[in-house]
Amino acid sequence: MSTYMIEILLADHNPEDVQYTQEVFKDFKILNRLTITKDGGSTLAYLQGEGDYQGLPTPDLIFLDLDLPPQSSEVLTAIQQSNALREIPVVALIPQARLDDFQQALESATYHILKPLTMEALVSVLQRIDHLWLSIVRQEN
């Protein structure tokens, strides 16, 4: 039986949220390769395979902080406009205090989590993604 390592992009500028997310992935036993970007420019470069990110694999899943400085809205737009990226599930990480500011962006995201991050919210989304992932794999076989 072959094992598939999921490629995850975590675009978040908050070191505490990044560390917390890494711990949840480890606890949830998700076999993954996690790439972390800390601003909109590096996230766009990664998704477009430019600069230091040239040759890296396309992510299977994207966690995108919608409060990512600068260009977070441009990142989401680039994902939606790209034939190669638009099918990738996007989990929008949204500061609870700014939920109203991001209503339109929520329509483009597959899932969303309010910040500050909690174990329950991350696990809930990961379980939904796991279920979705298994259904896709079953359909392909």
Protein backbone atom coordinates (compact mmCIF):
# COMPACT_ATOMS: atom_id res chain seq x y z
CA MET A 1 0.00 0.00 0.00
CA SER A 2 1.48 3.32 -1.02
CA THR A 3 1.38 6.29 1.30
CA TYR A 4 0.63 9.75 -0.04
CA MET A 5 2.19 12.74 1.65
CA ILE A 6 -0.13 15.74 1.43
CA GLU A 7 1.44 19.06 0.46
CA ILE A 8 0.11 21.85 2.68
CA LEU A 9 0.74 25.57 2.31
CA LEU A 10 0.26 27.58 5.50
CA ALA A 11 0.26 31.31 4.73
CA ASP A 12 0.22 33.02 8.12
CA HIS A 13 2.32 35.82 9.61
CA ASN A 14 1.58 34.99 13.25
CA PRO A 15 4.32 32.71 14.70
CA GLU A 16 2.05 31.46 17.50
CA ASP A 17 -0.65 30.40 15.02
CA VAL A 18 1.96 28.70 12.83
CA GLN A 19 3.37 26.75 15.77
CA TYR A 20 -0.11 25.83 17.01
CA THR A 21 -1.15 24.59 13.55
CA GLN A 22 2.02 22.50 13.26
CA GLU A 23 1.28 20.88 16.63
CA VAL A 24 -2.30 20.05 15.61
CA PHE A 25 -1.09 18.47 12.35
CA LYS A 26 1.38 16.39 14.33
CA ASP A 27 -1.22 15.36 16.93
CA PHE A 28 -3.75 14.56 14.18
CA LYS A 29 -1.06 12.37 12.56
CA ILE A 30 -1.40 13.97 9.15
CA LEU A 31 1.38 12.79 6.89
CA ASN A 32 2.32 16.11 5.32
CA ARG A 33 5.00 18.37 4.02
CA LEU A 34 4.20 21.83 5.35
CA THR A 35 5.47 24.94 3.60
CA ILE A 36 5.05 28.19 5.51
CA THR A 37 4.90 31.63 3.96
CA LYS A 38 4.65 34.77 6.07
CA ASP A 39 3.38 37.44 3.66
CA GLY A 40 1.34 37.86 0.51
CA GLY A 41 4.35 38.32 -1.75
CA SER A 42 6.04 35.07 -0.73
CA THR A 43 2.71 33.23 -0.87
CA LEU A 44 2.15 34.40 -4.45
CA ALA A 45 5.73 33.46 -5.36
CA TYR A 46 5.21 29.97 -3.93
CA LEU A 47 1.92 29.44 -5.75
CA GLN A 48 3.43 30.66 -9.02
CA GLY A 49 6.64 28.63 -8.56
CA GLU A 50 8.88 31.68 -8.66
CA GLY A 51 12.21 32.56 -6.99
CA ASP A 52 13.10 30.36 -4.01
CA TYR A 53 9.91 28.37 -4.60
CA GLN A 54 10.73 27.28 -8.15
CA GLY A 55 10.30 23.53 -8.59
CA LEU A 56 8.37 22.97 -5.36
CA PRO A 57 5.19 20.89 -5.63
CA THR A 58 1.78 22.50 -5.91
CA PRO A 59 -0.05 22.33 -2.58
CA ASP A 60 -2.94 19.92 -2.07
CA LEU A 61 -4.39 22.16 0.63
CA ILE A 62 -3.97 25.85 1.47
CA PHE A 63 -4.47 27.50 4.87
CA LEU A 64 -4.61 31.24 4.10
CA ASP A 65 -4.70 33.94 6.74
CA LEU A 66 -6.95 36.58 5.18
CA ASP A 67 -5.24 39.21 7.31
CA LEU A 68 -1.87 38.36 5.75
CA PRO A 69 0.14 41.49 5.01
CA PRO A 70 0.28 42.67 2.21
CA GLN A 71 -1.79 41.29 -0.67
CA SER A 72 -3.94 38.64 1.05
CA SER A 73 -6.87 39.47 -1.23
CA GLU A 74 -4.56 39.22 -4.24
CA VAL A 75 -3.53 35.72 -3.14
CA LEU A 76 -7.14 34.54 -3.01
CA THR A 77 -7.86 36.17 -6.39
CA ALA A 78 -4.78 34.51 -7.94
CA ILE A 79 -5.94 31.11 -6.66
CA GLN A 80 -9.45 31.58 -8.08
CA GLN A 81 -8.17 32.80 -11.46
CA SER A 82 -5.66 30.01 -11.98
CA ASN A 83 -6.76 26.81 -13.71
CA ALA A 84 -3.96 25.00 -11.89
CA LEU A 85 -4.90 26.28 -8.42
CA ARG A 86 -8.66 26.87 -8.27
CA GLU A 87 -9.53 23.25 -7.37
CA ILE A 88 -7.25 23.27 -4.31
CA PRO A 89 -9.25 23.46 -1.06
CA VAL A 90 -8.60 26.75 0.72
CA VAL A 91 -9.15 27.13 4.45
CA ALA A 92 -9.53 30.84 5.17
CA LEU A 93 -8.18 31.89 8.57
CA ILE A 94 -10.15 34.96 9.63
CA PRO A 95 -9.63 37.21 12.65
CA GLN A 96 -12.92 37.04 14.54
CA ALA A 97 -12.95 40.82 15.04
CA ARG A 98 -12.79 41.34 11.26
CA LEU A 99 -15.30 38.74 10.08
CA ASP A 100 -17.51 41.38 8.44
CA ASP A 101 -14.53 42.69 6.45
CA PHE A 102 -14.01 39.31 4.81
CA GLN A 103 -17.56 38.24 3.88
CA GLN A 104 -16.88 38.39 0.13
CA ALA A 105 -13.65 36.41 0.49
CA LEU A 106 -15.52 33.67 2.33
CA GLU A 107 -17.38 32.85 -0.87
CA SER A 108 -14.07 31.83 -2.46
CA ALA A 109 -12.87 29.69 0.43
CA THR A 110 -13.70 26.00 0.81
CA TYR A 111 -13.77 26.27 4.62
CA HIS A 112 -13.05 28.97 7.17
CA ILE A 113 -11.79 29.14 10.74
CA LEU A 114 -12.06 32.14 13.01
CA LYS A 115 -8.92 33.28 14.78
CA PRO A 116 -7.66 32.94 17.43
CA LEU A 117 -7.25 29.32 16.41
CA THR A 118 -8.60 26.60 18.63
CA MET A 119 -7.90 22.88 18.65
CA GLU A 120 -11.60 22.14 18.11
CA ALA A 121 -11.88 24.38 15.04
CA LEU A 122 -8.73 22.99 13.40
CA VAL A 123 -9.67 19.38 14.11
CA SER A 124 -13.22 19.94 12.79
CA VAL A 125 -11.91 21.33 9.50
CA LEU A 126 -9.27 18.61 9.22
CA GLN A 127 -11.94 15.93 9.72
CA ARG A 128 -14.11 17.48 6.99
CA ILE A 129 -11.11 17.70 4.66
CA ASP A 130 -10.15 14.10 5.49
CA HIS A 131 -13.68 12.97 4.60
CA LEU A 132 -13.60 14.99 1.37
CA TRP A 133 -10.14 13.65 0.51
CA LEU A 134 -11.21 10.04 1.04
CA SER A 135 -14.27 10.53 -1.18
CA ILE A 136 -12.10 11.96 -3.96
CA VAL A 137 -9.61 9.09 -3.68
CA ARG A 138 -12.45 6.54 -3.79
CA GLN A 139 -13.88 8.20 -6.91
CA GLU A 140 -10.49 8.11 -8.63
CA ASN A 141 -9.99 4.37 -7.94
